[in-house]
Every structure is written in C-alpha cells, then in structure tokens.
C-alpha cells in the first residue's frame, strides 16, 4: 500500500535544506497581497459556521477565474514567481522540494474508508 502524508508534511518537506538565515528581497506590495489572500483563507476557514456545507466551500473557492482559488493561484504562480533565487527556482523545477509520497487526499476514497 502506498504511503500518504499529511498536509503539514507536504508543506514542510525540504525546508531543512534552506538556512533560516537566508533572505530575499521582495516587492512589499506583492508580499502584502499574498498576506491578504492568506488572511482571507484563514478568516473563512477558522470559523466552521462559514462553511456549513460543501456548497459554501465551493462558493468561497470559486473558479480558476474568480474567487479564492483564483487569488491563491495568482499568489503562487504570479506574485511569488520573482521572489525566489535562481538555485531555489532550479530545485523547485527539479521537484527537489516535492515530498516523495503523495498527500492523503490522493488516497482512493474506498481505501481511505478502510483506515
């Protein structure tokens, strides 16, 4: 059986390869945009009353063209694109920071039900 990981394990994978003393210079405007978008996700998901059903989550996330998903994708693919030093870009492109195991949500539903 394949091993699956938590969201935390996926997000934290490879961080040990980057010195905590290393810094980059970024556009304050772009960084603040990322902060605002993450803040909206925290504000929505911190309160379960905001998402009483799957439809509420789908409405918040929206589509690739509007809503929370569009904002998150803009942060990931556009705003943060120029923030990385060349050696980090190379490691991202080579999947160095990609966990070798899949996240739990890749687990087939029938297999997840057995655990």
C-alpha atoms as a PDB file:
ATOM      1  CA  UNK A   1       0.000   0.000   0.000  1.00  0.00           C
ATOM      2  CA  UNK A   2       1.227   3.463  -0.847  1.00  0.00           C
ATOM      3  CA  UNK A   3       2.242   5.790   1.956  1.00  0.00           C
ATOM      4  CA  UNK A   4       0.332   9.045   2.221  1.00  0.00           C
ATOM      5  CA  UNK A   5       1.326  12.177   4.061  1.00  0.00           C
ATOM      6  CA  UNK A   6      -0.361  14.981   5.952  1.00  0.00           C
ATOM      7  CA  UNK A   7      -0.759  18.495   4.615  1.00  0.00           C
ATOM      8  CA  UNK A   8       1.889  19.613   7.101  1.00  0.00           C
ATOM      9  CA  UNK A   9       4.389  17.022   5.872  1.00  0.00           C
ATOM     10  CA  UNK A  10       3.832  18.148   2.286  1.00  0.00           C
ATOM     11  CA  UNK A  11       4.257  21.857   3.085  1.00  0.00           C
ATOM     12  CA  UNK A  12       7.300  21.422   5.334  1.00  0.00           C
ATOM     13  CA  UNK A  13       9.202  18.979   3.121  1.00  0.00           C
ATOM     14  CA  UNK A  14      12.643  20.276   2.158  1.00  0.00           C
ATOM     15  CA  UNK A  15      12.682  23.267   4.486  1.00  0.00           C
ATOM     16  CA  UNK A  16      15.744  21.895   6.279  1.00  0.00           C
ATOM     17  CA  UNK A  17      17.709  22.403   3.059  1.00  0.00           C
ATOM     18  CA  UNK A  18      17.287  26.190   3.340  1.00  0.00           C
ATOM     19  CA  UNK A  19      19.149  28.132   6.009  1.00  0.00           C
ATOM     20  CA  UNK A  20      16.874  30.108   8.312  1.00  0.00           C
ATOM     21  CA  UNK A  21      19.399  32.963   7.971  1.00  0.00           C
ATOM     22  CA  UNK A  22      18.921  33.216   4.219  1.00  0.00           C
ATOM     23  CA  UNK A  23      16.829  36.144   2.996  1.00  0.00           C
ATOM     24  CA  UNK A  24      15.429  37.535  -0.238  1.00  0.00           C
ATOM     25  CA  UNK A  25      14.250  40.971  -1.280  1.00  0.00           C
ATOM     26  CA  UNK A  26      10.663  41.129  -2.487  1.00  0.00           C
ATOM     27  CA  UNK A  27       8.145  43.717  -3.551  1.00  0.00           C
ATOM     28  CA  UNK A  28       6.328  44.855  -0.423  1.00  0.00           C
ATOM     29  CA  UNK A  29       3.143  45.232  -2.457  1.00  0.00           C
ATOM     30  CA  UNK A  30       3.312  41.626  -3.732  1.00  0.00           C
ATOM     31  CA  UNK A  31       4.167  40.282  -0.289  1.00  0.00           C
ATOM     32  CA  UNK A  32       1.254  42.175   1.247  1.00  0.00           C
ATOM     33  CA  UNK A  33      -1.052  40.811  -1.462  1.00  0.00           C
ATOM     34  CA  UNK A  34      -0.008  37.263  -0.519  1.00  0.00           C
ATOM     35  CA  UNK A  35      -0.599  38.146   3.149  1.00  0.00           C
ATOM     36  CA  UNK A  36      -4.082  39.481   2.377  1.00  0.00           C
ATOM     37  CA  UNK A  37      -5.031  36.385   0.371  1.00  0.00           C
ATOM     38  CA  UNK A  38      -3.798  34.012   3.082  1.00  0.00           C
ATOM     39  CA  UNK A  39      -5.697  36.140   5.579  1.00  0.00           C
ATOM     40  CA  UNK A  40      -8.926  35.619   3.651  1.00  0.00           C
ATOM     41  CA  UNK A  41      -8.400  31.848   3.730  1.00  0.00           C
ATOM     42  CA  UNK A  42      -7.731  31.960   7.474  1.00  0.00           C
ATOM     43  CA  UNK A  43     -10.743  34.208   8.074  1.00  0.00           C
ATOM     44  CA  UNK A  44     -13.023  31.877   6.120  1.00  0.00           C
ATOM     45  CA  UNK A  45     -11.752  28.522   7.404  1.00  0.00           C
ATOM     46  CA  UNK A  46     -11.182  29.476  11.064  1.00  0.00           C
ATOM     47  CA  UNK A  47     -14.949  29.571  11.635  1.00  0.00           C
ATOM     48  CA  UNK A  48     -16.843  26.366  10.726  1.00  0.00           C
ATOM     49  CA  UNK A  49     -20.069  28.384  10.576  1.00  0.00           C
ATOM     50  CA  UNK A  50     -18.704  29.941   7.372  1.00  0.00           C
ATOM     51  CA  UNK A  51     -18.839  26.552   5.634  1.00  0.00           C
ATOM     52  CA  UNK A  52     -21.796  24.534   6.903  1.00  0.00           C
ATOM     53  CA  UNK A  53     -21.855  22.515   3.675  1.00  0.00           C
ATOM     54  CA  UNK A  54     -19.709  21.729   0.640  1.00  0.00           C
ATOM     55  CA  UNK A  55     -21.544  24.342  -1.409  1.00  0.00           C
ATOM     56  CA  UNK A  56     -20.255  27.069   0.928  1.00  0.00           C
ATOM     57  CA  UNK A  57     -16.677  25.930   0.360  1.00  0.00           C
ATOM     58  CA  UNK A  58     -17.226  25.711  -3.395  1.00  0.00           C
ATOM     59  CA  UNK A  59     -18.648  29.260  -3.408  1.00  0.00           C
ATOM     60  CA  UNK A  60     -15.625  30.584  -1.472  1.00  0.00           C
ATOM     61  CA  UNK A  61     -13.119  28.818  -3.724  1.00  0.00           C
ATOM     62  CA  UNK A  62     -14.944  29.867  -6.885  1.00  0.00           C
ATOM     63  CA  UNK A  63     -13.317  29.008 -10.200  1.00  0.00           C
ATOM     64  CA  UNK A  64      -9.906  29.470 -11.796  1.00  0.00           C
ATOM     65  CA  UNK A  65     -11.224  32.842 -12.992  1.00  0.00           C
ATOM     66  CA  UNK A  66     -12.784  34.229  -9.803  1.00  0.00           C
ATOM     67  CA  UNK A  67     -12.931  33.674  -6.062  1.00  0.00           C
ATOM     68  CA  UNK A  68     -10.485  32.275  -3.530  1.00  0.00           C
ATOM     69  CA  UNK A  69      -8.857  29.769  -5.849  1.00  0.00           C
ATOM     70  CA  UNK A  70      -8.053  32.472  -8.408  1.00  0.00           C
ATOM     71  CA  UNK A  71      -6.462  34.610  -5.684  1.00  0.00           C
ATOM     72  CA  UNK A  72      -4.420  31.711  -4.352  1.00  0.00           C
ATOM     73  CA  UNK A  73      -3.253  30.735  -7.847  1.00  0.00           C
ATOM     74  CA  UNK A  74      -2.245  34.342  -8.544  1.00  0.00           C
ATOM     75  CA  UNK A  75      -0.113  34.353  -5.391  1.00  0.00           C
ATOM     76  CA  UNK A  76       1.519  31.037  -6.261  1.00  0.00           C
ATOM     77  CA  UNK A  77       2.083  31.460  -9.992  1.00  0.00           C
ATOM     78  CA  UNK A  78       2.495  35.235 -10.378  1.00  0.00           C
ATOM     79  CA  UNK A  79       3.227  37.232  -7.239  1.00  0.00           C
ATOM     80  CA  UNK A  80       5.756  34.782  -5.796  1.00  0.00           C
ATOM     81  CA  UNK A  81       7.395  33.853  -9.098  1.00  0.00           C
ATOM     82  CA  UNK A  82      10.065  36.555  -8.887  1.00  0.00           C
ATOM     83  CA  UNK A  83      10.745  36.098  -5.169  1.00  0.00           C
ATOM     84  CA  UNK A  84      12.980  33.025  -5.499  1.00  0.00           C
ATOM     85  CA  UNK A  85      16.762  32.988  -6.016  1.00  0.00           C
ATOM     86  CA  UNK A  86      17.969  31.040  -9.057  1.00  0.00           C
ATOM     87  CA  UNK A  87      19.164  28.000  -7.074  1.00  0.00           C
ATOM     88  CA  UNK A  88      15.755  27.680  -5.412  1.00  0.00           C
ATOM     89  CA  UNK A  89      13.963  28.014  -8.761  1.00  0.00           C
ATOM     90  CA  UNK A  90      16.120  25.163 -10.066  1.00  0.00           C
ATOM     91  CA  UNK A  91      15.203  22.994  -7.066  1.00  0.00           C
ATOM     92  CA  UNK A  92      11.522  23.817  -7.474  1.00  0.00           C
ATOM     93  CA  UNK A  93      11.656  22.920 -11.178  1.00  0.00           C
ATOM     94  CA  UNK A  94      13.526  19.671 -10.369  1.00  0.00           C
ATOM     95  CA  UNK A  95      10.919  18.778  -7.701  1.00  0.00           C
ATOM     96  CA  UNK A  96      13.605  18.766  -5.001  1.00  0.00           C
ATOM     97  CA  UNK A  97      11.093  20.201  -2.540  1.00  0.00           C
ATOM     98  CA  UNK A  98       8.289  17.844  -3.563  1.00  0.00           C
ATOM     99  CA  UNK A  99       7.592  15.148  -0.984  1.00  0.00           C
ATOM    100  CA  UNK A 100       8.223  11.670  -2.448  1.00  0.00           C
ATOM    101  CA  UNK A 101       4.928  10.402  -1.005  1.00  0.00           C
ATOM    102  CA  UNK A 102       1.529  11.645  -2.088  1.00  0.00           C
ATOM    103  CA  UNK A 103      -0.692  13.695   0.216  1.00  0.00           C
ATOM    104  CA  UNK A 104      -3.559  11.916   1.969  1.00  0.00           C
ATOM    105  CA  UNK A 105      -6.170  13.413  -0.367  1.00  0.00           C
ATOM    106  CA  UNK A 106      -4.720  11.380  -3.258  1.00  0.00           C
ATOM    107  CA  UNK A 107      -5.739   8.221  -1.434  1.00  0.00           C
ATOM    108  CA  UNK A 108      -8.621   6.472  -3.223  1.00  0.00           C
ATOM    109  CA  UNK A 109     -11.881   7.015  -1.339  1.00  0.00           C
ATOM    110  CA  UNK A 110     -12.567   3.294  -0.905  1.00  0.00           C
ATOM    111  CA  UNK A 111      -9.050   2.819   0.502  1.00  0.00           C
ATOM    112  CA  UNK A 112      -9.416   5.791   2.873  1.00  0.00           C
ATOM    113  CA  UNK A 113     -12.662   4.352   4.229  1.00  0.00           C
ATOM    114  CA  UNK A 114     -10.788   1.251   5.413  1.00  0.00           C
ATOM    115  CA  UNK A 115      -8.425   3.229   7.648  1.00  0.00           C
END
